[in-house]
Structure formats: C-alpha cells, structure tokens
Amino acid sequence: MHAHTINYSGWLHSNEYRQNALGDNVSAQVIMDKKRNLFLQIN
C-alpha cells in the first residue's frame, strides 16, 4: 500500500478532532518520512 494512491468516497473520522466528515472522491496515500514513520495523507 505504501506509495500507492487510492480514491475513496465515504465517511472519514478524525480521532484528533473527534469529528466525522463525508468525503467524495478524495485521494489517500500512505507516505513514509526519513525516520520510517508511516502517515496517511488525505487530499
């Protein structure tokens, strides 16, 4: 899954903000930083 971009439509949840958001055709990608930590980037 790393470095592959997927398109998604549906509900997204943020634990940080404790809210849900409806996404319509958003793109998501798993990225790795220099310390080899994985992050989910959603546009």
N, C-alpha and C. Protein backbone atom coordinates (compact mmCIF):
# COMPACT_ATOMS: atom_id res chain seq x y z
N MET A 1 0.83 -1.20 0.00
CA MET A 1 0.00 0.00 0.00
C MET A 1 0.87 1.26 0.00
N HIS A 2 2.07 1.17 0.49
CA HIS A 2 2.95 2.33 0.55
C HIS A 2 3.19 2.90 -0.85
N ALA A 3 3.02 4.20 -0.99
CA ALA A 3 3.26 4.96 -2.22
C ALA A 3 2.16 4.81 -3.26
N HIS A 4 1.14 4.01 -3.03
CA HIS A 4 0.02 3.89 -3.97
C HIS A 4 -1.08 4.85 -3.55
N THR A 5 -1.64 5.55 -4.51
CA THR A 5 -2.74 6.47 -4.25
C THR A 5 -4.05 5.76 -4.55
N ILE A 6 -5.01 5.90 -3.63
CA ILE A 6 -6.34 5.33 -3.84
C ILE A 6 -7.37 6.45 -3.78
N ASN A 7 -8.47 6.28 -4.49
CA ASN A 7 -9.59 7.21 -4.42
C ASN A 7 -10.65 6.61 -3.52
N TYR A 8 -11.28 7.47 -2.71
CA TYR A 8 -12.23 6.99 -1.71
C TYR A 8 -13.41 7.94 -1.63
N SER A 9 -14.59 7.40 -1.49
CA SER A 9 -15.80 8.17 -1.22
C SER A 9 -16.49 7.51 -0.04
N GLY A 10 -16.75 8.28 1.00
CA GLY A 10 -17.39 7.74 2.19
C GLY A 10 -17.03 8.57 3.41
N TRP A 11 -17.30 8.02 4.58
CA TRP A 11 -17.07 8.75 5.82
C TRP A 11 -15.62 8.61 6.27
N LEU A 12 -15.05 9.73 6.73
CA LEU A 12 -13.72 9.78 7.32
C LEU A 12 -13.87 10.21 8.77
N HIS A 13 -13.05 9.67 9.67
CA HIS A 13 -13.13 10.02 11.08
C HIS A 13 -11.78 10.54 11.55
N SER A 14 -11.78 11.63 12.30
CA SER A 14 -10.58 12.20 12.90
C SER A 14 -10.63 11.98 14.40
N ASN A 15 -9.71 11.16 14.93
CA ASN A 15 -9.62 10.98 16.38
C ASN A 15 -9.15 12.26 17.06
N GLU A 16 -8.28 13.01 16.38
CA GLU A 16 -7.73 14.24 16.95
C GLU A 16 -8.83 15.28 17.20
N TYR A 17 -9.73 15.45 16.24
CA TYR A 17 -10.78 16.45 16.35
C TYR A 17 -12.12 15.85 16.78
N ARG A 18 -12.18 14.52 16.89
CA ARG A 18 -13.39 13.80 17.30
C ARG A 18 -14.60 14.17 16.44
N GLN A 19 -14.38 14.17 15.13
CA GLN A 19 -15.46 14.51 14.20
C GLN A 19 -15.39 13.60 12.99
N ASN A 20 -16.53 13.47 12.33
CA ASN A 20 -16.65 12.74 11.07
C ASN A 20 -16.84 13.72 9.94
N ALA A 21 -16.39 13.34 8.76
CA ALA A 21 -16.57 14.16 7.57
C ALA A 21 -16.87 13.24 6.40
N LEU A 22 -17.76 13.67 5.55
CA LEU A 22 -18.10 12.91 4.36
C LEU A 22 -17.16 13.33 3.23
N GLY A 23 -16.42 12.38 2.70
CA GLY A 23 -15.51 12.66 1.60
C GLY A 23 -16.07 12.13 0.30
N ASP A 24 -15.94 12.90 -0.76
CA ASP A 24 -16.43 12.49 -2.07
C ASP A 24 -15.26 12.50 -3.04
N ASN A 25 -14.82 11.31 -3.44
CA ASN A 25 -13.71 11.14 -4.38
C ASN A 25 -12.43 11.82 -3.89
N VAL A 26 -12.04 11.55 -2.64
CA VAL A 26 -10.78 12.06 -2.10
C VAL A 26 -9.67 11.06 -2.42
N SER A 27 -8.44 11.56 -2.51
CA SER A 27 -7.31 10.66 -2.74
C SER A 27 -6.53 10.51 -1.44
N ALA A 28 -6.07 9.30 -1.19
CA ALA A 28 -5.33 9.00 0.02
C ALA A 28 -4.07 8.23 -0.35
N GLN A 29 -3.01 8.47 0.42
CA GLN A 29 -1.75 7.82 0.15
C GLN A 29 -1.00 7.62 1.46
N VAL A 30 -0.38 6.46 1.64
CA VAL A 30 0.47 6.20 2.79
C VAL A 30 1.87 6.66 2.42
N ILE A 31 2.43 7.54 3.25
CA ILE A 31 3.78 8.05 2.98
C ILE A 31 4.69 7.72 4.17
N MET A 32 5.99 7.65 3.91
CA MET A 32 6.98 7.35 4.93
C MET A 32 7.96 8.51 5.03
N ASP A 33 8.25 8.95 6.26
CA ASP A 33 9.22 10.03 6.43
C ASP A 33 10.63 9.44 6.56
N LYS A 34 11.61 10.30 6.81
CA LYS A 34 13.01 9.86 6.90
C LYS A 34 13.27 8.95 8.09
N LYS A 35 12.43 9.05 9.12
CA LYS A 35 12.57 8.18 10.30
C LYS A 35 11.79 6.88 10.14
N ARG A 36 11.24 6.65 8.95
CA ARG A 36 10.48 5.45 8.60
C ARG A 36 9.15 5.36 9.34
N ASN A 37 8.57 6.50 9.72
CA ASN A 37 7.23 6.56 10.28
C ASN A 37 6.23 6.62 9.13
N LEU A 38 5.10 5.94 9.26
CA LEU A 38 4.08 5.95 8.23
C LEU A 38 2.98 6.95 8.57
N PHE A 39 2.50 7.67 7.57
CA PHE A 39 1.44 8.64 7.73
C PHE A 39 0.43 8.45 6.61
N LEU A 40 -0.83 8.73 6.91
CA LEU A 40 -1.88 8.69 5.90
C LEU A 40 -2.14 10.11 5.45
N GLN A 41 -1.85 10.39 4.19
CA GLN A 41 -2.07 11.72 3.62
C GLN A 41 -3.35 11.70 2.82
N ILE A 42 -4.30 12.57 3.19
CA ILE A 42 -5.59 12.64 2.51
C ILE A 42 -5.75 14.02 1.89
N ASN A 43 -6.02 14.06 0.60
CA ASN A 43 -6.22 15.33 -0.11
C ASN A 43 -7.68 15.58 -0.34
